[in-house]
Amino acid sequence: MSRKESLSQFIQQIHGRPVVVKLVSGVDYRGVLSCLDGYMNIALEQTEEYINGQLKNKYGDTFIRGNNVLYISTQKRRGV
């Protein structure tokens, strides 16, 4: 399996699931992944913003421009 295929499978697996998006600034956004494009532009639902590990804001829908993204990781569902 090529690296491109494994990345595509990962994206398919996490679509609609809780994720953590870490920005190059150090800010974390946690929410449900609703969209991700080839430029790493990300749309999240039920988004929470964390700065230095502390919850700062809650948003409904959020769009994050891809050039700000350091990484995306899966997150365990809250309350499960």
PDB file of N, CA and C in Angstrom:
ATOM      1  N   MET A   1       0.852  -1.172   0.000  1.00  0.00           N
ATOM      2  CA  MET A   1       0.000   0.000   0.000  1.00  0.00           C
ATOM      3  C   MET A   1       0.898   1.235   0.000  1.00  0.00           C
ATOM      4  N   SER A   2       0.589   2.174  -0.889  1.00  0.00           N
ATOM      5  CA  SER A   2       1.390   3.383  -0.969  1.00  0.00           C
ATOM      6  C   SER A   2       1.029   4.348   0.157  1.00  0.00           C
ATOM      7  N   ARG A   3       1.894   5.307   0.369  1.00  0.00           N
ATOM      8  CA  ARG A   3       1.668   6.310   1.410  1.00  0.00           C
ATOM      9  C   ARG A   3       0.407   7.125   1.117  1.00  0.00           C
ATOM     10  N   LYS A   4       0.188   7.430  -0.168  1.00  0.00           N
ATOM     11  CA  LYS A   4      -0.990   8.201  -0.568  1.00  0.00           C
ATOM     12  C   LYS A   4      -2.275   7.420  -0.274  1.00  0.00           C
ATOM     13  N   GLU A   5      -2.248   6.114  -0.527  1.00  0.00           N
ATOM     14  CA  GLU A   5      -3.417   5.272  -0.245  1.00  0.00           C
ATOM     15  C   GLU A   5      -3.690   5.202   1.256  1.00  0.00           C
ATOM     16  N   SER A   6      -2.639   5.073   2.065  1.00  0.00           N
ATOM     17  CA  SER A   6      -2.848   4.984   3.508  1.00  0.00           C
ATOM     18  C   SER A   6      -3.369   6.303   4.066  1.00  0.00           C
ATOM     19  N   LEU A   7      -2.903   7.434   3.532  1.00  0.00           N
ATOM     20  CA  LEU A   7      -3.411   8.741   3.957  1.00  0.00           C
ATOM     21  C   LEU A   7      -4.882   8.885   3.583  1.00  0.00           C
ATOM     22  N   SER A   8      -5.236   8.457   2.390  1.00  0.00           N
ATOM     23  CA  SER A   8      -6.627   8.517   1.942  1.00  0.00           C
ATOM     24  C   SER A   8      -7.523   7.666   2.832  1.00  0.00           C
ATOM     25  N   GLN A   9      -7.059   6.494   3.202  1.00  0.00           N
ATOM     26  CA  GLN A   9      -7.833   5.619   4.095  1.00  0.00           C
ATOM     27  C   GLN A   9      -7.994   6.248   5.472  1.00  0.00           C
ATOM     28  N   PHE A  10      -6.929   6.873   5.990  1.00  0.00           N
ATOM     29  CA  PHE A  10      -6.996   7.538   7.287  1.00  0.00           C
ATOM     30  C   PHE A  10      -8.051   8.642   7.260  1.00  0.00           C
ATOM     31  N   ILE A  11      -8.052   9.445   6.216  1.00  0.00           N
ATOM     32  CA  ILE A  11      -9.021  10.539   6.102  1.00  0.00           C
ATOM     33  C   ILE A  11     -10.440   9.992   6.053  1.00  0.00           C
ATOM     34  N   GLN A  12     -10.658   8.912   5.301  1.00  0.00           N
ATOM     35  CA  GLN A  12     -11.980   8.293   5.239  1.00  0.00           C
ATOM     36  C   GLN A  12     -12.412   7.764   6.600  1.00  0.00           C
ATOM     37  N   GLN A  13     -11.486   7.218   7.366  1.00  0.00           N
ATOM     38  CA  GLN A  13     -11.808   6.652   8.669  1.00  0.00           C
ATOM     39  C   GLN A  13     -12.171   7.722   9.692  1.00  0.00           C
ATOM     40  N   ILE A  14     -11.541   8.895   9.622  1.00  0.00           N
ATOM     41  CA  ILE A  14     -11.788   9.915  10.647  1.00  0.00           C
ATOM     42  C   ILE A  14     -12.895  10.892  10.278  1.00  0.00           C
ATOM     43  N   HIS A  15     -13.371  10.852   9.048  1.00  0.00           N
ATOM     44  CA  HIS A  15     -14.453  11.757   8.641  1.00  0.00           C
ATOM     45  C   HIS A  15     -15.688  11.510   9.504  1.00  0.00           C
ATOM     46  N   GLY A  16     -16.212  12.571  10.124  1.00  0.00           N
ATOM     47  CA  GLY A  16     -17.382  12.450  10.987  1.00  0.00           C
ATOM     48  C   GLY A  16     -17.052  12.037  12.413  1.00  0.00           C
ATOM     49  N   ARG A  17     -15.770  11.950  12.737  1.00  0.00           N
ATOM     50  CA  ARG A  17     -15.344  11.532  14.073  1.00  0.00           C
ATOM     51  C   ARG A  17     -14.627  12.679  14.786  1.00  0.00           C
ATOM     52  N   PRO A  18     -14.537  12.604  16.103  1.00  0.00           N
ATOM     53  CA  PRO A  18     -13.823  13.649  16.858  1.00  0.00           C
ATOM     54  C   PRO A  18     -12.321  13.639  16.544  1.00  0.00           C
ATOM     55  N   VAL A  19     -11.763  14.816  16.340  1.00  0.00           N
ATOM     56  CA  VAL A  19     -10.344  14.972  16.047  1.00  0.00           C
ATOM     57  C   VAL A  19      -9.772  16.142  16.840  1.00  0.00           C
ATOM     58  N   VAL A  20      -8.453  16.152  16.929  1.00  0.00           N
ATOM     59  CA  VAL A  20      -7.711  17.289  17.471  1.00  0.00           C
ATOM     60  C   VAL A  20      -6.879  17.847  16.327  1.00  0.00           C
ATOM     61  N   VAL A  21      -6.983  19.154  16.100  1.00  0.00           N
ATOM     62  CA  VAL A  21      -6.184  19.826  15.083  1.00  0.00           C
ATOM     63  C   VAL A  21      -5.228  20.762  15.815  1.00  0.00           C
ATOM     64  N   LYS A  22      -3.937  20.511  15.678  1.00  0.00           N
ATOM     65  CA  LYS A  22      -2.907  21.344  16.314  1.00  0.00           C
ATOM     66  C   LYS A  22      -2.393  22.321  15.270  1.00  0.00           C
ATOM     67  N   LEU A  23      -2.405  23.602  15.613  1.00  0.00           N
ATOM     68  CA  LEU A  23      -1.897  24.629  14.709  1.00  0.00           C
ATOM     69  C   LEU A  23      -0.434  24.928  14.993  1.00  0.00           C
ATOM     70  N   VAL A  24       0.247  25.525  14.019  1.00  0.00           N
ATOM     71  CA  VAL A  24       1.649  25.879  14.198  1.00  0.00           C
ATOM     72  C   VAL A  24       1.823  26.900  15.327  1.00  0.00           C
ATOM     73  N   SER A  25       0.778  27.630  15.661  1.00  0.00           N
ATOM     74  CA  SER A  25       0.820  28.604  16.758  1.00  0.00           C
ATOM     75  C   SER A  25       0.752  27.938  18.127  1.00  0.00           C
ATOM     76  N   GLY A  26       0.423  26.633  18.169  1.00  0.00           N
ATOM     77  CA  GLY A  26       0.310  25.913  19.423  1.00  0.00           C
ATOM     78  C   GLY A  26      -1.120  25.760  19.913  1.00  0.00           C
ATOM     79  N   VAL A  27      -2.070  26.417  19.265  1.00  0.00           N
ATOM     80  CA  VAL A  27      -3.484  26.322  19.644  1.00  0.00           C
ATOM     81  C   VAL A  27      -4.050  24.999  19.151  1.00  0.00           C
ATOM     82  N   ASP A  28      -4.885  24.362  19.976  1.00  0.00           N
ATOM     83  CA  ASP A  28      -5.575  23.120  19.604  1.00  0.00           C
ATOM     84  C   ASP A  28      -7.042  23.422  19.346  1.00  0.00           C
ATOM     85  N   TYR A  29      -7.580  22.803  18.310  1.00  0.00           N
ATOM     86  CA  TYR A  29      -9.023  22.830  18.069  1.00  0.00           C
ATOM     87  C   TYR A  29      -9.505  21.390  18.122  1.00  0.00           C
ATOM     88  N   ARG A  30     -10.556  21.162  18.880  1.00  0.00           N
ATOM     89  CA  ARG A  30     -11.125  19.819  19.012  1.00  0.00           C
ATOM     90  C   ARG A  30     -12.572  19.874  18.549  1.00  0.00           C
ATOM     91  N   GLY A  31     -12.922  18.958  17.664  1.00  0.00           N
ATOM     92  CA  GLY A  31     -14.282  18.927  17.147  1.00  0.00           C
ATOM     93  C   GLY A  31     -14.484  17.733  16.243  1.00  0.00           C
ATOM     94  N   VAL A  32     -15.622  17.718  15.583  1.00  0.00           N
ATOM     95  CA  VAL A  32     -15.979  16.627  14.673  1.00  0.00           C
ATOM     96  C   VAL A  32     -15.596  17.038  13.259  1.00  0.00           C
ATOM     97  N   LEU A  33     -14.782  16.221  12.611  1.00  0.00           N
ATOM     98  CA  LEU A  33     -14.305  16.524  11.258  1.00  0.00           C
ATOM     99  C   LEU A  33     -15.441  16.402  10.257  1.00  0.00           C
ATOM    100  N   SER A  34     -15.753  17.512   9.591  1.00  0.00           N
ATOM    101  CA  SER A  34     -16.819  17.453   8.585  1.00  0.00           C
ATOM    102  C   SER A  34     -16.268  17.529   7.168  1.00  0.00           C
ATOM    103  N   CYS A  35     -15.067  18.106   7.000  1.00  0.00           N
ATOM    104  CA  CYS A  35     -14.509  18.211   5.655  1.00  0.00           C
ATOM    105  C   CYS A  35     -13.004  18.433   5.739  1.00  0.00           C
ATOM    106  N   LEU A  36     -12.287  17.847   4.791  1.00  0.00           N
ATOM    107  CA  LEU A  36     -10.840  18.013   4.687  1.00  0.00           C
ATOM    108  C   LEU A  36     -10.490  17.936   3.213  1.00  0.00           C
ATOM    109  N   ASP A  37      -9.764  18.949   2.708  1.00  0.00           N
ATOM    110  CA  ASP A  37      -9.413  18.918   1.285  1.00  0.00           C
ATOM    111  C   ASP A  37      -7.918  18.657   1.097  1.00  0.00           C
ATOM    112  N   GLY A  38      -7.484  18.658  -0.140  1.00  0.00           N
ATOM    113  CA  GLY A  38      -6.097  18.361  -0.473  1.00  0.00           C
ATOM    114  C   GLY A  38      -5.097  19.394   0.007  1.00  0.00           C
ATOM    115  N   TYR A  39      -5.556  20.561   0.386  1.00  0.00           N
ATOM    116  CA  TYR A  39      -4.690  21.612   0.910  1.00  0.00           C
ATOM    117  C   TYR A  39      -4.669  21.615   2.436  1.00  0.00           C
ATOM    118  N   MET A  40      -5.281  20.599   3.051  1.00  0.00           N
ATOM    119  CA  MET A  40      -5.402  20.479   4.503  1.00  0.00           C
ATOM    120  C   MET A  40      -6.306  21.547   5.103  1.00  0.00           C
ATOM    121  N   ASN A  41      -7.153  22.193   4.276  1.00  0.00           N
ATOM    122  CA  ASN A  41      -8.193  23.055   4.820  1.00  0.00           C
ATOM    123  C   ASN A  41      -9.179  22.143   5.531  1.00  0.00           C
ATOM    124  N   ILE A  42      -9.594  22.548   6.729  1.00  0.00           N
ATOM    125  CA  ILE A  42     -10.388  21.673   7.582  1.00  0.00           C
ATOM    126  C   ILE A  42     -11.653  22.385   8.026  1.00  0.00           C
ATOM    127  N   ALA A  43     -12.765  21.675   7.976  1.00  0.00           N
ATOM    128  CA  ALA A  43     -14.019  22.168   8.546  1.00  0.00           C
ATOM    129  C   ALA A  43     -14.374  21.253   9.714  1.00  0.00           C
ATOM    130  N   LEU A  44     -14.638  21.877  10.872  1.00  0.00           N
ATOM    131  CA  LEU A  44     -15.006  21.138  12.073  1.00  0.00           C
ATOM    132  C   LEU A  44     -16.378  21.588  12.548  1.00  0.00           C
ATOM    133  N   GLU A  45     -17.082  20.696  13.212  1.00  0.00           N
ATOM    134  CA  GLU A  45     -18.344  21.002  13.872  1.00  0.00           C
ATOM    135  C   GLU A  45     -18.134  20.813  15.366  1.00  0.00           C
ATOM    136  N   GLN A  46     -18.962  21.473  16.187  1.00  0.00           N
ATOM    137  CA  GLN A  46     -18.894  21.347  17.650  1.00  0.00           C
ATOM    138  C   GLN A  46     -17.464  21.588  18.139  1.00  0.00           C
ATOM    139  N   THR A  47     -16.879  22.688  17.704  1.00  0.00           N
ATOM    140  CA  THR A  47     -15.466  22.965  17.922  1.00  0.00           C
ATOM    141  C   THR A  47     -15.194  23.646  19.262  1.00  0.00           C
ATOM    142  N   GLU A  48     -14.119  23.210  19.891  1.00  0.00           N
ATOM    143  CA  GLU A  48     -13.627  23.831  21.117  1.00  0.00           C
ATOM    144  C   GLU A  48     -12.190  24.277  20.869  1.00  0.00           C
ATOM    145  N   GLU A  49     -11.855  25.478  21.338  1.00  0.00           N
ATOM    146  CA  GLU A  49     -10.512  26.022  21.186  1.00  0.00           C
ATOM    147  C   GLU A  49      -9.768  25.916  22.519  1.00  0.00           C
ATOM    148  N   TYR A  50      -8.590  25.323  22.488  1.00  0.00           N
ATOM    149  CA  TYR A  50      -7.768  25.163  23.688  1.00  0.00           C
ATOM    150  C   TYR A  50      -6.446  25.899  23.496  1.00  0.00           C
ATOM    151  N   ILE A  51      -6.114  26.741  24.468  1.00  0.00           N
ATOM    152  CA  ILE A  51      -4.837  27.435  24.473  1.00  0.00           C
ATOM    153  C   ILE A  51      -4.108  27.039  25.754  1.00  0.00           C
ATOM    154  N   ASN A  52      -2.897  26.524  25.603  1.00  0.00           N
ATOM    155  CA  ASN A  52      -2.119  26.017  26.739  1.00  0.00           C
ATOM    156  C   ASN A  52      -2.918  24.999  27.550  1.00  0.00           C
ATOM    157  N   GLY A  53      -3.689  24.170  26.861  1.00  0.00           N
ATOM    158  CA  GLY A  53      -4.442  23.108  27.513  1.00  0.00           C
ATOM    159  C   GLY A  53      -5.731  23.538  28.185  1.00  0.00           C
ATOM    160  N   GLN A  54      -6.055  24.828  28.135  1.00  0.00           N
ATOM    161  CA  GLN A  54      -7.271  25.324  28.771  1.00  0.00           C
ATOM    162  C   GLN A  54      -8.305  25.710  27.718  1.00  0.00           C
ATOM    163  N   LEU A  55      -9.550  25.311  27.969  1.00  0.00           N
ATOM    164  CA  LEU A  55     -10.656  25.653  27.079  1.00  0.00           C
ATOM    165  C   LEU A  55     -10.865  27.158  27.088  1.00  0.00           C
ATOM    166  N   LYS A  56     -10.821  27.773  25.895  1.00  0.00           N
ATOM    167  CA  LYS A  56     -10.992  29.229  25.789  1.00  0.00           C
ATOM    168  C   LYS A  56     -12.302  29.623  25.125  1.00  0.00           C
ATOM    169  N   ASN A  57     -12.710  28.894  24.090  1.00  0.00           N
ATOM    170  CA  ASN A  57     -13.932  29.222  23.345  1.00  0.00           C
ATOM    171  C   ASN A  57     -14.582  27.960  22.808  1.00  0.00           C
ATOM    172  N   LYS A  58     -15.889  28.079  22.545  1.00  0.00           N
ATOM    173  CA  LYS A  58     -16.638  27.024  21.859  1.00  0.00           C
ATOM    174  C   LYS A  58     -17.291  27.656  20.638  1.00  0.00           C
ATOM    175  N   TYR A  59     -17.228  26.938  19.525  1.00  0.00           N
ATOM    176  CA  TYR A  59     -17.795  27.402  18.265  1.00  0.00           C
ATOM    177  C   TYR A  59     -18.692  26.313  17.697  1.00  0.00           C
ATOM    178  N   GLY A  60     -19.647  26.697  16.882  1.00  0.00           N
ATOM    179  CA  GLY A  60     -20.461  25.713  16.173  1.00  0.00           C
ATOM    180  C   GLY A  60     -19.642  25.092  15.061  1.00  0.00           C
ATOM    181  N   ASP A  61     -19.553  25.798  13.939  1.00  0.00           N
ATOM    182  CA  ASP A  61     -18.772  25.347  12.791  1.00  0.00           C
ATOM    183  C   ASP A  61     -17.519  26.202  12.679  1.00  0.00           C
ATOM    184  N   THR A  62     -16.417  25.558  12.309  1.00  0.00           N
ATOM    185  CA  THR A  62     -15.128  26.248  12.220  1.00  0.00           C
ATOM    186  C   THR A  62     -14.424  25.833  10.940  1.00  0.00           C
ATOM    187  N   PHE A  63     -13.781  26.799  10.297  1.00  0.00           N
ATOM    188  CA  PHE A  63     -12.952  26.524   9.122  1.00  0.00           C
ATOM    189  C   PHE A  63     -11.522  26.894   9.473  1.00  0.00           C
ATOM    190  N   ILE A  64     -10.600  25.970   9.243  1.00  0.00           N
ATOM    191  CA  ILE A  64      -9.184  26.201   9.526  1.00  0.00           C
ATOM    192  C   ILE A  64      -8.409  26.086   8.221  1.00  0.00           C
ATOM    193  N   ARG A  65      -7.680  27.139   7.912  1.00  0.00           N
ATOM    194  CA  ARG A  65      -6.887  27.151   6.680  1.00  0.00           C
ATOM    195  C   ARG A  65      -5.702  26.195   6.823  1.00  0.00           C
ATOM    196  N   GLY A  66      -5.463  25.423   5.791  1.00  0.00           N
ATOM    197  CA  GLY A  66      -4.487  24.345   5.833  1.00  0.00           C
ATOM    198  C   GLY A  66      -3.060  24.746   6.138  1.00  0.00           C
ATOM    199  N   ASN A  67      -2.637  25.946   5.729  1.00  0.00           N
ATOM    200  CA  ASN A  67      -1.246  26.326   5.973  1.00  0.00           C
ATOM    201  C   ASN A  67      -0.961  26.589   7.448  1.00  0.00           C
ATOM    202  N   ASN A  68      -1.995  26.624   8.293  1.00  0.00           N
ATOM    203  CA  ASN A  68      -1.819  26.807   9.730  1.00  0.00           C
ATOM    204  C   ASN A  68      -1.758  25.492  10.498  1.00  0.00           C
ATOM    205  N   VAL A  69      -2.033  24.380   9.823  1.00  0.00           N
ATOM    206  CA  VAL A  69      -2.168  23.081  10.494  1.00  0.00           C
ATOM    207  C   VAL A  69      -0.811  22.406  10.664  1.00  0.00           C
ATOM    208  N   LEU A  70      -0.514  22.023  11.902  1.00  0.00           N
ATOM    209  CA  LEU A  70       0.693  21.253  12.191  1.00  0.00           C
ATOM    210  C   LEU A  70       0.389  19.762  12.053  1.00  0.00           C
ATOM    211  N   TYR A  71      -0.738  19.316  12.685  1.00  0.00           N
ATOM    212  CA  TYR A  71      -1.153  17.927  12.532  1.00  0.00           C
ATOM    213  C   TYR A  71      -2.623  17.756  12.905  1.00  0.00           C
ATOM    214  N   ILE A  72      -3.163  16.615  12.503  1.00  0.00           N
ATOM    215  CA  ILE A  72      -4.516  16.197  12.865  1.00  0.00           C
ATOM    216  C   ILE A  72      -4.385  14.829  13.517  1.00  0.00           C
ATOM    217  N   SER A  73      -5.069  14.643  14.636  1.00  0.00           N
ATOM    218  CA  SER A  73      -5.073  13.327  15.267  1.00  0.00           C
ATOM    219  C   SER A  73      -6.489  12.982  15.717  1.00  0.00           C
ATOM    220  N   THR A  74      -6.720  11.696  15.871  1.00  0.00           N
ATOM    221  CA  THR A  74      -8.031  11.264  16.334  1.00  0.00           C
ATOM    222  C   THR A  74      -8.157  11.521  17.828  1.00  0.00           C
ATOM    223  N   GLN A  75      -9.378  11.639  18.267  1.00  0.00           N
ATOM    224  CA  GLN A  75      -9.669  11.911  19.672  1.00  0.00           C
ATOM    225  C   GLN A  75     -10.721  10.941  20.124  1.00  0.00           C
ATOM    226  N   LYS A  76     -10.591  10.428  21.340  1.00  0.00           N
ATOM    227  CA  LYS A  76     -11.620   9.547  21.865  1.00  0.00           C
ATOM    228  C   LYS A  76     -12.894  10.355  22.070  1.00  0.00           C
ATOM    229  N   ARG A  77     -14.016   9.711  21.822  1.00  0.00           N
ATOM    230  CA  ARG A  77     -15.295  10.376  21.982  1.00  0.00           C
ATOM    231  C   ARG A  77     -15.500  10.786  23.446  1.00  0.00           C
ATOM    232  N   ARG A  78     -16.030  11.983  23.619  1.00  0.00           N
ATOM    233  CA  ARG A  78     -16.290  12.477  24.964  1.00  0.00           C
ATOM    234  C   ARG A  78     -17.473  11.730  25.565  1.00  0.00           C
ATOM    235  N   GLY A  79     -17.366  11.407  26.824  1.00  0.00           N
ATOM    236  CA  GLY A  79     -18.481  10.778  27.516  1.00  0.00           C
ATOM    237  C   GLY A  79     -18.649   9.305  27.225  1.00  0.00           C
ATOM    238  N   VAL A  80     -17.666   8.684  26.580  1.00  0.00           N
ATOM    239  CA  VAL A  80     -17.757   7.253  26.264  1.00  0.00           C
ATOM    240  C   VAL A  80     -16.729   6.495  27.048  1.00  0.00           C
TER     241      VAL A  80
END
